[in-house]
Amino acid sequence: MLAFEDWAVDMVPGPALALVLLFPVTKETEAARKAEEEAIEKDGQAVPQSPPLLHIRQNIGNACGTIGLLHAACHTVLGNQLADGEGTAAVAPESWLGKFVSKAKGLDAEAAGDVLEDDVEIEDAHAAAEAASHDAAARSQNVRNHFTAIVH
């Protein structure tokens, strides 16, 4: 997606269950992030649980893209579980994603982040994907971009 204007939104095939955004980190975005964190720390954060939500705190550095994709994938799985009553045809329970959703469902953001951080299988898969990348120069640069996800 290039923009949020009607012409750009119309180019996205539907229905869309999630949107992963990439944006540059700036002084303004960092100030907004810090203000939001302070407000949450001061006032708390009520996260509605109907329908069930899975929020994963990013404990791992430079993993925002993985976290964004996980939010999109996990909520697709959870949405299918709600629609089907029990289980889901979207993901096999024995797959990595099926096991992760099963372990993290119902946990708060910090605990779900800990489940991900302690998962050796995803760590190994990430290392293998990074090693297979053809863009070694990009991996060595300090890129100031951030991924986030919006889920339906």
Protein backbone atom coordinates (compact mmCIF):
# COMPACT_ATOMS: atom_id res chain seq x y z
CA MET A 1 0.00 0.00 0.00
CA LEU A 2 1.38 3.38 -0.92
CA ALA A 3 -1.02 5.68 0.91
CA PHE A 4 -4.34 5.79 2.72
CA GLU A 5 -6.18 7.73 0.02
CA ASP A 6 -9.10 5.91 -1.59
CA TRP A 7 -7.16 5.23 -4.81
CA ALA A 8 -4.40 3.45 -2.87
CA VAL A 9 -6.73 1.53 -0.57
CA ASP A 10 -8.71 0.35 -3.60
CA MET A 11 -5.53 -1.33 -4.94
CA VAL A 12 -5.39 -3.70 -1.94
CA PRO A 13 -7.29 -6.93 -2.54
CA GLY A 14 -9.87 -7.57 0.13
CA PRO A 15 -10.84 -8.54 2.59
CA ALA A 16 -7.71 -7.45 4.45
CA LEU A 17 -7.36 -8.78 7.98
CA ALA A 18 -4.15 -6.94 8.81
CA LEU A 19 -1.87 -4.21 7.56
CA VAL A 20 1.85 -4.06 8.31
CA LEU A 21 3.32 -0.58 8.01
CA LEU A 22 6.96 0.50 7.64
CA PHE A 23 7.83 4.06 8.53
CA PRO A 24 10.96 6.07 9.31
CA VAL A 25 11.85 6.70 12.95
CA THR A 26 12.15 10.44 13.53
CA LYS A 27 12.43 12.79 16.48
CA GLU A 28 8.66 13.25 16.28
CA THR A 29 7.83 9.52 16.27
CA GLU A 30 10.24 8.91 19.17
CA ALA A 31 8.65 11.76 21.17
CA ALA A 32 5.17 10.34 20.51
CA ARG A 33 6.31 6.81 21.48
CA LYS A 34 7.87 8.09 24.70
CA ALA A 35 4.75 10.12 25.59
CA GLU A 36 2.55 7.07 24.95
CA GLU A 37 4.77 4.84 27.12
CA GLU A 38 4.69 7.41 29.94
CA ALA A 39 0.89 7.69 29.73
CA ILE A 40 0.51 3.91 29.84
CA GLU A 41 2.90 3.65 32.78
CA LYS A 42 1.01 6.39 34.63
CA ASP A 43 -2.60 5.49 33.76
CA GLY A 44 -2.35 1.85 32.73
CA GLN A 45 -3.73 0.47 29.50
CA ALA A 46 -7.06 -1.28 29.17
CA VAL A 47 -6.88 -3.86 26.40
CA PRO A 48 -10.31 -5.18 25.40
CA GLN A 49 -10.52 -8.97 25.43
CA SER A 50 -13.59 -9.42 23.31
CA PRO A 51 -12.71 -10.66 20.80
CA PRO A 52 -9.56 -12.17 22.34
CA LEU A 53 -6.44 -10.19 21.49
CA LEU A 54 -2.83 -11.28 21.49
CA HIS A 55 -0.39 -8.47 22.14
CA ILE A 56 3.32 -9.33 21.97
CA ARG A 57 5.78 -6.97 23.65
CA GLN A 58 8.97 -6.63 21.61
CA ASN A 59 11.79 -7.75 23.90
CA ILE A 60 14.18 -8.59 21.06
CA GLY A 61 16.11 -5.79 19.37
CA ASN A 62 15.55 -5.12 15.69
CA ALA A 63 12.61 -7.54 15.53
CA CYS A 64 9.73 -5.13 14.87
CA GLY A 65 9.05 -6.65 11.45
CA THR A 66 8.80 -10.12 12.96
CA ILE A 67 6.54 -8.81 15.72
CA GLY A 68 4.31 -7.03 13.18
CA LEU A 69 3.99 -10.15 11.04
CA LEU A 70 3.28 -12.26 14.13
CA HIS A 71 0.51 -9.89 15.22
CA ALA A 72 -1.04 -10.15 11.75
CA ALA A 73 -0.71 -13.95 11.57
CA CYS A 74 -1.79 -14.62 15.17
CA HIS A 75 -4.91 -12.51 14.88
CA THR A 76 -5.82 -14.24 11.64
CA VAL A 77 -5.57 -17.55 13.52
CA LEU A 78 -7.52 -16.20 16.51
CA GLY A 79 -10.17 -14.76 14.20
CA ASN A 80 -10.62 -18.14 12.53
CA GLN A 81 -10.88 -19.83 15.91
CA LEU A 82 -13.69 -17.44 16.84
CA ALA A 83 -15.51 -18.03 13.56
CA ASP A 84 -15.15 -21.82 13.67
CA GLY A 85 -15.85 -22.22 17.37
CA GLU A 86 -12.92 -24.47 18.13
CA GLY A 87 -9.65 -24.98 16.33
CA THR A 88 -8.87 -23.45 12.99
CA ALA A 89 -8.23 -24.53 9.44
CA ALA A 90 -5.84 -21.60 8.95
CA VAL A 91 -2.88 -23.16 10.75
CA ALA A 92 -1.92 -26.65 11.85
CA PRO A 93 -1.75 -26.90 15.67
CA GLU A 94 1.64 -28.65 15.43
CA SER A 95 3.16 -25.89 13.26
CA TRP A 96 5.38 -23.28 14.85
CA LEU A 97 2.62 -20.65 14.59
CA GLY A 98 0.00 -23.02 15.98
CA LYS A 99 2.20 -23.83 18.96
CA PHE A 100 3.07 -20.15 19.53
CA VAL A 101 -0.58 -19.05 19.52
CA SER A 102 -1.43 -21.88 21.91
CA LYS A 103 1.36 -20.86 24.33
CA ALA A 104 0.80 -17.08 24.12
CA LYS A 105 -3.02 -16.87 23.94
CA GLY A 106 -4.42 -15.33 27.11
CA LEU A 107 -1.06 -13.94 28.31
CA ASP A 108 -0.34 -10.26 28.82
CA ALA A 109 1.98 -8.51 26.37
CA GLU A 110 5.12 -8.95 28.47
CA ALA A 111 4.56 -12.67 29.03
CA ALA A 112 3.78 -13.25 25.32
CA GLY A 113 7.00 -11.37 24.49
CA ASP A 114 8.87 -13.66 26.87
CA VAL A 115 7.43 -16.74 25.12
CA LEU A 116 8.77 -15.42 21.81
CA GLU A 117 12.12 -14.38 23.28
CA ASP A 118 12.64 -17.85 24.78
CA ASP A 119 11.69 -19.69 21.56
CA VAL A 120 14.81 -21.33 20.12
CA GLU A 121 13.02 -22.53 16.96
CA ILE A 122 12.15 -19.00 15.77
CA GLU A 123 15.61 -17.75 16.77
CA ASP A 124 17.23 -20.44 14.60
CA ALA A 125 14.86 -19.71 11.70
CA HIS A 126 15.62 -15.98 11.94
CA ALA A 127 19.37 -16.62 11.95
CA ALA A 128 19.07 -18.90 8.92
CA ALA A 129 16.99 -16.34 7.00
CA GLU A 130 19.43 -13.56 7.86
CA ALA A 131 22.40 -15.69 6.77
CA ALA A 132 20.66 -16.45 3.46
CA SER A 133 20.11 -12.75 2.77
CA HIS A 134 22.05 -11.39 -0.17
CA ASP A 135 22.19 -7.87 1.25
CA ALA A 136 25.03 -7.99 3.80
CA ALA A 137 25.51 -4.22 3.52
CA ALA A 138 21.92 -3.55 4.63
CA ARG A 139 22.37 -5.78 7.69
CA SER A 140 25.39 -3.79 8.81
CA GLN A 141 23.70 -0.39 8.50
CA ASN A 142 21.90 1.31 11.36
CA VAL A 143 18.56 1.69 9.59
CA ARG A 144 16.08 3.87 11.46
CA ASN A 145 12.78 2.39 10.28
CA HIS A 146 10.03 0.72 12.25
CA PHE A 147 7.33 -1.82 11.39
CA THR A 148 3.97 -1.87 13.11
CA ALA A 149 0.78 -3.81 12.49
CA ILE A 150 -2.90 -2.91 12.45
CA VAL A 151 -5.13 -5.95 12.82
CA HIS A 152 -8.84 -6.38 12.31
